[in-house]
């Protein structure tokens, strides 16, 4: 055996003690190296395809994202893509997977396989519970996740964009006992896209010209699952005012439908502006998880959801906390109405109108051209004959036709000298899409341009 301080009987005690740590370290290093080589590395989350997930009459494909830090009883979010898209494209092009990493929920990404990559939201089979087509396949995907993960059955949600937003409306109608809430970005009401000729495109609905009463819209939803008397899922709705693919009037029709289905008033109980171009209205409750929430995005086209919007949907679902018992937060109460506006303020008005078929969108910019701040404003103008306001943002409008007055919202009453405020409305028309010829702000004539 080689000579060493531990085996050399004549070595002084101090020398033997000084050599002991070096010997122990020499013995431990090979063991540590072996452990480092054999220790498993943390699994990185990845999108995976699942096959054989159950009844799938339209041969959809299923993609699944389970975050590495999945919660013990995770929620499930179904995220449905747009036409020409796919499950993997929606995974990589939206923020839902990153939010799943943060909060521990599972995401299912259905993928359409038919030509054009759209989901079936128009056939009689799709608009009936267990009637066949795409909704059945998506329901099977949820069932597969429930069988393989200990998910919270009370926290299953759906969101989508364009075709996926239309499918969000359809799934909430077909399976109100499965989904707790939905968030539809640029969609149309349940049943609006229905066709009887076998086609999958409904131009009248896309152009925003299909209008029904709130009860008629609600009856379409209720007919999808006759006899169902349980709770109905909440709904969040998003739409851009300049959407030329699925036009903005569809937002008002969706609001009619889901307020009727959920039995709440169509008069908003809260109106605010989370971002300068967003006008948010809540129906049936002022909190983060109101029965119905709608967000109109000024100037946006068929491009939603853009940055930050997915997080708003996650908050509406209540998924922005790993504790499902955390109560929703409520915003401050509606601000006190502004004081009586001063008269005599100089002003300038810009007015842009975009017309189609029997509808139009008007975007208005009002600039305080005077030297005194405006605290509360009323903008008066006369619409051309045949134009009738159907919905608006950043102001209240009355009456709907003829000599109209737009009055400020609580959040945009103050306009500093040189400052501007943007507002607008949707209107129906009978052929004349022209602009008003004159405007007055608090009784004072404005210049145009």
Protein backbone atom coordinates (compact mmCIF):
# COMPACT_ATOMS: atom_id res chain seq x y z
CA UNK A 1 0.00 0.00 0.00
CA UNK A 2 1.48 3.43 -0.88
CA UNK A 3 2.79 5.57 1.86
CA UNK A 4 0.39 8.25 3.17
CA UNK A 5 0.06 10.44 6.22
CA UNK A 6 -2.64 8.16 7.59
CA UNK A 7 -0.50 5.04 7.28
CA UNK A 8 2.88 6.53 8.19
CA UNK A 9 3.12 5.73 11.89
CA UNK A 10 5.98 8.16 12.43
CA UNK A 11 4.24 11.26 11.01
CA UNK A 12 3.59 13.95 13.60
CA UNK A 13 -0.04 14.32 14.79
CA UNK A 14 -0.34 17.87 13.33
CA UNK A 15 0.80 16.73 9.91
CA UNK A 16 -1.65 13.85 9.95
CA UNK A 17 -4.59 16.22 10.81
CA UNK A 18 -3.61 18.70 8.08
CA UNK A 19 -3.57 15.94 5.47
CA UNK A 20 -6.99 14.49 6.38
CA UNK A 21 -9.18 17.09 4.55
CA UNK A 22 -7.17 16.66 1.35
CA UNK A 23 -7.63 12.90 1.48
CA UNK A 24 -11.37 13.14 2.11
CA UNK A 25 -11.79 15.63 -0.73
CA UNK A 26 -9.89 13.33 -3.05
CA UNK A 27 -12.26 10.50 -2.17
CA UNK A 28 -15.41 12.61 -2.55
CA UNK A 29 -14.68 14.24 -5.92
CA UNK A 30 -15.17 11.06 -7.99
CA UNK A 31 -18.47 10.40 -6.19
CA UNK A 32 -19.71 13.95 -6.82
CA UNK A 33 -18.73 13.70 -10.47
CA UNK A 34 -20.70 10.47 -10.83
CA UNK A 35 -23.76 12.02 -9.24
CA UNK A 36 -23.62 15.02 -11.58
CA UNK A 37 -23.43 12.76 -14.60
CA UNK A 38 -26.34 10.54 -13.57
CA UNK A 39 -28.71 13.15 -12.00
CA UNK A 40 -31.77 13.73 -14.20
CA UNK A 41 -32.20 17.21 -15.71
CA UNK A 42 -35.44 19.16 -15.27
CA UNK A 43 -37.92 18.43 -18.06
CA UNK A 44 -38.59 21.39 -20.33
CA UNK A 45 -42.24 21.89 -21.29
CA UNK A 46 -43.02 21.37 -24.97
CA UNK A 47 -46.02 21.19 -27.25
CA UNK A 48 -46.92 17.57 -27.98
CA UNK A 49 -49.48 15.97 -30.26
CA UNK A 50 -52.04 13.59 -28.78
CA UNK A 51 -53.73 10.97 -30.96
CA UNK A 52 -56.61 8.64 -30.24
CA UNK A 53 -58.26 11.09 -27.83
CA UNK A 54 -61.82 9.94 -28.48
CA UNK A 55 -64.74 10.67 -30.79
CA UNK A 56 -63.49 12.93 -33.56
CA UNK A 57 -65.94 13.03 -36.48
CA UNK A 58 -64.09 15.80 -38.37
CA UNK A 59 -60.54 14.42 -37.89
CA UNK A 60 -59.21 17.35 -35.87
CA UNK A 61 -55.68 17.14 -34.50
CA UNK A 62 -54.95 17.73 -30.82
CA UNK A 63 -51.89 19.47 -29.40
CA UNK A 64 -51.23 19.70 -25.69
CA UNK A 65 -49.08 22.00 -23.59
CA UNK A 66 -48.44 20.96 -19.98
CA UNK A 67 -46.12 23.40 -18.18
CA UNK A 68 -43.21 22.01 -16.19
CA UNK A 69 -44.69 23.55 -13.04
CA UNK A 70 -48.23 22.30 -13.65
CA UNK A 71 -50.51 22.96 -10.66
CA UNK A 72 -51.67 20.04 -8.45
CA UNK A 73 -55.29 20.47 -9.66
CA UNK A 74 -54.74 22.39 -12.87
CA UNK A 75 -57.28 24.36 -14.83
CA UNK A 76 -57.62 23.65 -18.56
CA UNK A 77 -57.71 26.25 -21.33
CA UNK A 78 -58.75 25.32 -24.87
CA UNK A 79 -57.13 27.82 -27.29
CA UNK A 80 -58.67 27.72 -30.78
CA UNK A 81 -56.89 29.13 -33.83
CA UNK A 82 -58.03 31.38 -36.70
CA UNK A 83 -58.68 30.36 -40.33
CA UNK A 84 -55.51 29.30 -42.18
CA UNK A 85 -53.92 28.67 -38.78
CA UNK A 86 -53.10 25.57 -36.78
CA UNK A 87 -52.70 24.49 -33.19
CA UNK A 88 -48.90 24.86 -33.28
CA UNK A 89 -49.21 28.29 -34.93
CA UNK A 90 -51.59 29.50 -32.23
CA UNK A 91 -49.24 28.09 -29.59
CA UNK A 92 -46.26 29.99 -30.94
CA UNK A 93 -48.12 33.16 -31.93
CA UNK A 94 -50.00 33.91 -28.69
CA UNK A 95 -49.12 34.39 -25.03
CA UNK A 96 -51.24 31.59 -23.59
CA UNK A 97 -48.38 29.08 -23.18
CA UNK A 98 -46.21 31.66 -21.40
CA UNK A 99 -49.12 32.42 -19.08
CA UNK A 100 -49.55 28.68 -18.47
CA UNK A 101 -45.88 28.57 -17.42
CA UNK A 102 -46.60 31.33 -14.91
CA UNK A 103 -49.86 30.02 -13.46
CA UNK A 104 -49.68 26.25 -13.96
CA UNK A 105 -52.73 25.53 -16.13
CA UNK A 106 -52.86 23.13 -19.11
CA UNK A 107 -53.52 24.35 -22.65
CA UNK A 108 -55.21 22.34 -25.42
CA UNK A 109 -54.66 23.56 -28.98
CA UNK A 110 -57.13 21.99 -31.44
CA UNK A 111 -56.05 22.04 -35.09
CA UNK A 112 -58.48 22.07 -38.01
CA UNK A 113 -57.63 19.81 -40.94
CA UNK A 114 -60.19 20.87 -43.56
CA UNK A 115 -59.20 23.07 -46.51
CA UNK A 116 -58.71 26.67 -45.39
CA UNK A 117 -58.04 25.70 -41.81
CA UNK A 118 -61.36 27.05 -40.48
CA UNK A 119 -63.52 25.45 -37.82
CA UNK A 120 -67.10 24.42 -38.49
CA UNK A 121 -69.35 26.97 -36.79
CA UNK A 122 -72.12 27.01 -39.40
CA UNK A 123 -73.50 23.49 -39.95
CA UNK A 124 -76.55 22.14 -38.10
CA UNK A 125 -74.29 19.43 -36.65
CA UNK A 126 -71.94 21.99 -35.11
CA UNK A 127 -74.74 24.04 -33.57
CA UNK A 128 -76.20 21.18 -31.56
CA UNK A 129 -74.78 19.42 -28.52
CA UNK A 130 -73.16 16.14 -29.59
CA UNK A 131 -74.48 16.77 -33.10
CA UNK A 132 -71.17 15.93 -34.75
CA UNK A 133 -68.41 17.90 -36.43
CA UNK A 134 -65.73 19.96 -34.69
CA UNK A 135 -67.34 20.66 -31.30
CA UNK A 136 -67.54 16.93 -30.59
CA UNK A 137 -63.84 16.48 -31.29
CA UNK A 138 -62.89 19.40 -29.06
CA UNK A 139 -65.10 18.06 -26.27
CA UNK A 140 -63.25 14.73 -26.62
CA UNK A 141 -59.92 16.53 -26.22
CA UNK A 142 -61.11 18.01 -22.93
CA UNK A 143 -62.30 14.58 -21.82
CA UNK A 144 -58.91 13.06 -22.61
CA UNK A 145 -57.17 15.67 -20.46
CA UNK A 146 -59.62 15.01 -17.63
CA UNK A 147 -58.83 11.29 -17.80
CA UNK A 148 -55.04 11.73 -17.78
CA UNK A 149 -54.57 14.66 -15.40
CA UNK A 150 -56.21 15.48 -12.06
CA UNK A 151 -57.76 18.66 -13.44
CA UNK A 152 -60.28 20.91 -11.73
CA UNK A 153 -63.51 20.23 -13.63
CA UNK A 154 -64.88 23.56 -12.43
CA UNK A 155 -62.10 25.47 -14.20
CA UNK A 156 -62.26 24.55 -17.86
CA UNK A 157 -62.20 27.52 -20.25
CA UNK A 158 -62.05 28.27 -23.96
CA UNK A 159 -60.66 31.15 -26.00
CA UNK A 160 -60.07 31.75 -29.68
CA UNK A 161 -59.48 34.27 -32.45
CA UNK A 162 -61.63 34.80 -35.56
CA UNK A 163 -62.79 31.28 -36.51
CA UNK A 164 -61.62 30.24 -33.05
CA UNK A 165 -63.67 33.04 -31.49
CA UNK A 166 -66.73 31.82 -33.36
CA UNK A 167 -65.98 28.33 -32.05
CA UNK A 168 -65.70 29.78 -28.54
CA UNK A 169 -69.28 31.03 -28.87
CA UNK A 170 -70.37 27.65 -30.24
CA UNK A 171 -68.70 25.61 -27.50
CA UNK A 172 -70.28 27.71 -24.74
CA UNK A 173 -73.66 27.07 -26.34
CA UNK A 174 -73.17 23.35 -27.00
CA UNK A 175 -71.40 22.49 -23.72
CA UNK A 176 -72.43 24.90 -20.95
CA UNK A 177 -71.86 22.10 -18.44
CA UNK A 178 -68.22 21.69 -19.51
CA UNK A 179 -66.90 25.25 -19.84
CA UNK A 180 -66.95 27.83 -17.06
CA UNK A 181 -66.17 30.85 -19.25
CA UNK A 182 -64.97 31.90 -22.69
CA UNK A 183 -63.05 34.77 -24.26
CA UNK A 184 -63.77 35.46 -27.94
CA UNK A 185 -61.43 37.68 -29.96
CA UNK A 186 -63.10 39.00 -33.15
CA UNK A 187 -66.01 36.59 -33.26
CA UNK A 188 -69.73 36.53 -34.01
CA UNK A 189 -72.72 35.35 -31.95
CA UNK A 190 -73.62 31.68 -31.63
CA UNK A 191 -75.70 30.76 -34.68
CA UNK A 192 -74.89 33.92 -36.65
CA UNK A 193 -72.79 32.01 -39.18
CA UNK A 194 -75.39 29.26 -39.65
CA UNK A 195 -75.90 28.15 -43.26
CA UNK A 196 -78.20 25.64 -44.91
CA UNK A 197 -76.49 25.30 -48.30
CA UNK A 198 -73.43 23.40 -47.11
CA UNK A 199 -71.14 26.40 -47.32
CA UNK A 200 -69.03 27.51 -44.37
CA UNK A 201 -69.10 31.28 -44.99
CA UNK A 202 -71.97 33.62 -44.15
CA UNK A 203 -71.34 37.02 -45.73
CA UNK A 204 -74.28 38.75 -44.07
CA UNK A 205 -73.01 37.76 -40.63
CA UNK A 206 -69.40 38.60 -41.47
CA UNK A 207 -70.45 42.07 -42.65
CA UNK A 208 -72.31 42.74 -39.43
CA UNK A 209 -75.73 43.02 -41.02
CA UNK A 210 -77.42 40.17 -39.12
CA UNK A 211 -79.35 41.66 -36.22
CA UNK A 212 -81.76 39.98 -33.84
CA UNK A 213 -83.36 40.78 -30.53
CA UNK A 214 -81.52 39.73 -27.40
CA UNK A 215 -84.09 36.99 -26.74
CA UNK A 216 -83.82 35.66 -30.30
CA UNK A 217 -80.04 35.41 -29.94
CA UNK A 218 -80.45 33.80 -26.53
CA UNK A 219 -82.96 31.28 -27.86
CA UNK A 220 -80.40 30.08 -30.41
CA UNK A 221 -77.99 29.26 -27.60
CA UNK A 222 -80.64 27.57 -25.47
CA UNK A 223 -81.79 25.45 -28.43
CA UNK A 224 -78.32 23.88 -28.70
CA UNK A 225 -78.90 21.96 -25.48
CA UNK A 226 -82.65 21.70 -24.95
CA UNK A 227 -83.74 21.21 -21.36
CA UNK A 228 -80.48 22.33 -19.81
CA UNK A 229 -81.16 24.29 -16.62
CA UNK A 230 -77.74 24.53 -15.02
CA UNK A 231 -75.39 27.49 -14.75
CA UNK A 232 -74.19 29.17 -17.93
CA UNK A 233 -70.57 30.10 -18.66
CA UNK A 234 -69.44 33.72 -18.45
CA UNK A 235 -68.28 35.47 -21.62
CA UNK A 236 -65.60 38.03 -22.47
CA UNK A 237 -65.82 39.63 -25.94
CA UNK A 238 -63.17 41.56 -27.90
CA UNK A 239 -63.46 43.38 -31.23
CA UNK A 240 -61.58 46.03 -33.22
CA UNK A 241 -63.56 48.95 -34.57
CA UNK A 242 -61.83 48.70 -37.98
CA UNK A 243 -62.25 44.95 -38.47
CA UNK A 244 -63.17 44.45 -42.13
CA UNK A 245 -63.33 40.65 -42.01
CA UNK A 246 -65.84 40.16 -39.19
CA UNK A 247 -67.18 43.66 -38.70
CA UNK A 248 -67.49 45.46 -35.40
CA UNK A 249 -71.34 45.43 -35.20
CA UNK A 250 -71.04 41.74 -34.33
CA UNK A 251 -69.76 42.82 -30.92
CA UNK A 252 -73.07 44.49 -30.08
CA UNK A 253 -74.96 41.40 -31.22
CA UNK A 254 -72.76 39.16 -29.05
CA UNK A 255 -73.45 41.43 -26.07
CA UNK A 256 -77.18 41.07 -26.73
CA UNK A 257 -76.87 37.29 -26.86
CA UNK A 258 -74.80 36.62 -23.78
CA UNK A 259 -76.49 39.16 -21.51
CA UNK A 260 -79.77 37.45 -22.40
CA UNK A 261 -78.36 33.96 -21.85
CA UNK A 262 -76.92 34.98 -18.48
CA UNK A 263 -80.01 36.95 -17.48
CA UNK A 264 -78.32 40.32 -16.89
CA UNK A 265 -79.13 43.83 -18.09
CA UNK A 266 -77.69 45.11 -21.36
CA UNK A 267 -76.98 48.40 -19.63
CA UNK A 268 -73.32 48.34 -18.53
CA UNK A 269 -72.71 48.65 -14.80
CA UNK A 270 -69.11 49.72 -15.40
CA UNK A 271 -67.40 51.48 -18.29
CA UNK A 272 -63.68 52.18 -18.19
CA UNK A 273 -60.60 52.44 -20.38
CA UNK A 274 -57.79 50.07 -19.29
CA UNK A 275 -55.69 51.34 -22.22
CA UNK A 276 -56.19 54.51 -24.30
CA UNK A 277 -57.65 52.62 -27.27
CA UNK A 278 -59.74 50.15 -25.21
CA UNK A 279 -63.29 50.79 -24.06
CA UNK A 280 -64.39 48.10 -21.62
CA UNK A 281 -67.97 47.55 -20.50
CA UNK A 282 -69.13 45.09 -17.85
CA UNK A 283 -72.63 43.68 -17.50
CA UNK A 284 -74.19 42.13 -14.43
CA UNK A 285 -71.21 42.90 -12.17
CA UNK A 286 -68.34 45.36 -11.78
CA UNK A 287 -65.64 42.87 -10.76
CA UNK A 288 -62.94 41.18 -12.81
CA UNK A 289 -65.18 38.14 -13.32
CA UNK A 290 -68.39 39.84 -14.38
CA UNK A 291 -70.98 37.69 -16.19
CA UNK A 292 -70.31 39.50 -19.48
CA UNK A 293 -67.39 41.77 -20.37
CA UNK A 294 -66.83 43.48 -23.72
CA UNK A 295 -63.76 45.36 -24.96
CA UNK A 296 -63.95 47.53 -28.08
CA UNK A 297 -60.48 48.36 -29.43
CA UNK A 298 -60.40 51.66 -31.28
CA UNK A 299 -58.57 51.55 -34.62
CA UNK A 300 -57.82 47.81 -34.48
CA UNK A 301 -58.51 45.56 -37.44
CA UNK A 302 -58.74 41.79 -37.69
CA UNK A 303 -55.55 41.29 -35.68
CA UNK A 304 -56.53 40.37 -32.11
CA UNK A 305 -55.33 39.23 -29.62
CA UNK A 306 -52.34 41.55 -29.55
CA UNK A 307 -49.88 41.98 -26.68
CA UNK A 308 -51.41 42.05 -23.22
CA UNK A 309 -54.89 40.92 -24.24
CA UNK A 310 -54.31 37.25 -23.39
CA UNK A 311 -53.43 38.28 -19.84
CA UNK A 312 -56.75 40.13 -19.60
CA UNK A 313 -58.56 36.96 -20.67
CA UNK A 314 -56.66 34.92 -18.09
CA UNK A 315 -57.67 37.44 -15.40
CA UNK A 316 -61.32 37.19 -16.52
CA UNK A 317 -61.10 33.42 -16.15
CA UNK A 318 -59.53 33.79 -12.70
CA UNK A 319 -56.41 31.91 -13.81
CA UNK A 320 -54.02 34.68 -12.78
CA UNK A 321 -53.67 33.02 -9.37
CA UNK A 322 -52.56 29.53 -8.47
CA UNK A 323 -55.20 29.56 -5.71
CA UNK A 324 -58.65 28.96 -7.26
CA UNK A 325 -60.33 30.18 -4.07
CA UNK A 326 -58.84 33.68 -4.36
CA UNK A 327 -61.81 36.04 -4.70
CA UNK A 328 -61.96 38.31 -7.75
CA UNK A 329 -60.90 41.87 -7.31
CA UNK A 330 -63.27 44.74 -7.98
CA UNK A 331 -62.35 48.07 -9.50
CA UNK A 332 -63.22 51.30 -7.74
CA UNK A 333 -66.79 52.40 -7.96
CA UNK A 334 -67.87 54.51 -10.92
CA UNK A 335 -66.41 58.02 -10.58
CA UNK A 336 -68.61 60.96 -9.68
CA UNK A 337 -70.01 62.62 -12.82
CA UNK A 338 -68.06 65.67 -13.93
CA UNK A 339 -69.02 69.15 -12.92
CA UNK A 340 -71.06 71.41 -15.21
CA UNK A 341 -68.93 72.07 -18.29
CA UNK A 342 -67.80 75.61 -18.99
CA UNK A 343 -69.01 77.26 -22.15
CA UNK A 344 -67.06 79.11 -24.78
CA UNK A 345 -64.29 76.53 -25.42
CA UNK A 346 -62.81 76.67 -28.91
CA UNK A 347 -62.64 73.27 -30.61
CA UNK A 348 -61.65 71.37 -33.72
CA UNK A 349 -63.26 68.13 -34.92
CA UNK A 350 -61.84 65.41 -37.15
CA UNK A 351 -64.41 62.96 -38.52
CA UNK A 352 -63.66 59.79 -40.53
CA UNK A 353 -66.34 57.42 -41.76
CA UNK A 354 -65.97 53.91 -43.16
CA UNK A 355 -69.13 52.56 -44.77
CA UNK A 356 -70.28 49.16 -46.04
CA UNK A 357 -73.56 47.71 -47.24
CA UNK A 358 -76.05 49.06 -44.67
CA UNK A 359 -73.60 49.98 -41.89
CA UNK A 360 -70.80 52.40 -41.11
CA UNK A 361 -68.17 53.21 -38.49
CA UNK A 362 -67.49 56.84 -37.54
CA UNK A 363 -64.26 57.83 -35.75
CA UNK A 364 -64.25 61.29 -34.18
CA UNK A 365 -61.38 63.28 -32.70
CA UNK A 366 -62.22 66.42 -30.70
CA UNK A 367 -59.37 68.84 -29.95
CA UNK A 368 -59.55 71.58 -27.32
CA UNK A 369 -58.19 74.50 -29.35
CA UNK A 370 -58.79 77.04 -26.60
CA UNK A 371 -56.67 78.19 -23.71
CA UNK A 372 -58.93 76.85 -20.95
CA UNK A 373 -59.28 73.25 -19.84
CA UNK A 374 -62.60 71.56 -20.53
CA UNK A 375 -64.06 69.64 -17.58
CA UNK A 376 -67.04 67.81 -19.01
CA UNK A 377 -68.16 68.04 -22.62
CA UNK A 378 -71.11 67.53 -24.95
CA UNK A 379 -70.56 67.26 -28.70
CA UNK A 380 -73.68 67.99 -30.77
CA UNK A 381 -74.15 67.15 -34.46
CA UNK A 382 -76.88 66.11 -36.87
CA UNK A 383 -76.65 62.78 -38.67
CA UNK A 384 -77.71 62.55 -42.33
CA UNK A 385 -81.17 61.10 -42.91
CA UNK A 386 -81.28 57.31 -42.62
CA UNK A 387 -78.31 56.97 -40.24
CA UNK A 388 -79.03 55.44 -36.81
CA UNK A 389 -76.45 54.88 -34.09
CA UNK A 390 -76.37 51.24 -32.97
CA UNK A 391 -73.39 51.29 -30.60
CA UNK A 392 -70.64 53.65 -29.53
CA UNK A 393 -67.46 54.01 -27.50
CA UNK A 394 -65.89 56.66 -25.26
CA UNK A 395 -69.19 58.58 -25.07
CA UNK A 396 -72.93 58.12 -24.61
CA UNK A 397 -75.13 59.00 -27.59
CA UNK A 398 -78.72 60.23 -27.59
CA UNK A 399 -80.95 60.17 -29.45
CA UNK A 400 -79.85 57.51 -31.93
CA UNK A 401 -80.68 59.55 -35.05
CA UNK A 402 -81.27 63.12 -36.17
CA UNK A 403 -79.79 65.74 -33.84
CA UNK A 404 -77.42 63.62 -31.72
CA UNK A 405 -75.46 64.62 -28.62
CA UNK A 406 -72.37 62.67 -27.56
CA UNK A 407 -71.60 63.16 -23.85
CA UNK A 408 -68.30 62.33 -22.17
CA UNK A 409 -67.65 59.19 -20.17
CA UNK A 410 -66.48 59.55 -16.58
CA UNK A 411 -62.91 58.75 -17.52
CA UNK A 412 -62.45 61.28 -20.38
CA UNK A 413 -64.30 64.35 -19.13
CA UNK A 414 -61.19 66.52 -18.79
CA UNK A 415 -59.49 67.83 -21.95
CA UNK A 416 -56.48 70.09 -21.44
CA UNK A 417 -55.75 73.03 -23.77
CA UNK A 418 -54.32 71.52 -26.95
CA UNK A 419 -55.45 68.05 -25.85
CA UNK A 420 -57.76 65.70 -27.74
CA UNK A 421 -60.30 63.01 -27.03
CA UNK A 422 -61.28 60.18 -29.38
CA UNK A 423 -64.76 58.70 -29.64
CA UNK A 424 -66.87 56.98 -32.24
CA UNK A 425 -69.88 54.89 -33.06
CA UNK A 426 -71.37 52.24 -35.32
CA UNK A 427 -74.49 53.15 -37.28
CA UNK A 428 -76.93 51.61 -39.70
CA UNK A 429 -77.76 53.57 -42.84
CA UNK A 430 -80.17 53.46 -45.76
CA UNK A 431 -77.70 54.57 -48.40
CA UNK A 432 -76.17 57.82 -47.20
CA UNK A 433 -72.83 57.33 -45.42
CA UNK A 434 -71.99 61.03 -45.36
CA UNK A 435 -70.67 63.01 -42.39
CA UNK A 436 -72.44 65.68 -40.33
CA UNK A 437 -71.80 69.17 -41.67
CA UNK A 438 -71.36 70.94 -38.31
CA UNK A 439 -70.38 70.22 -34.70
CA UNK A 440 -70.68 72.19 -31.48
CA UNK A 441 -68.78 71.52 -28.24
CA UNK A 442 -70.64 72.73 -25.13
CA UNK A 443 -72.68 74.96 -27.42
CA UNK A 444 -69.71 76.52 -29.25
CA UNK A 445 -69.23 75.81 -33.00
CA UNK A 446 -66.12 73.78 -33.88
CA UNK A 447 -63.93 73.98 -36.93
CA UNK A 448 -63.57 70.89 -39.11
CA UNK A 449 -60.36 69.17 -40.09
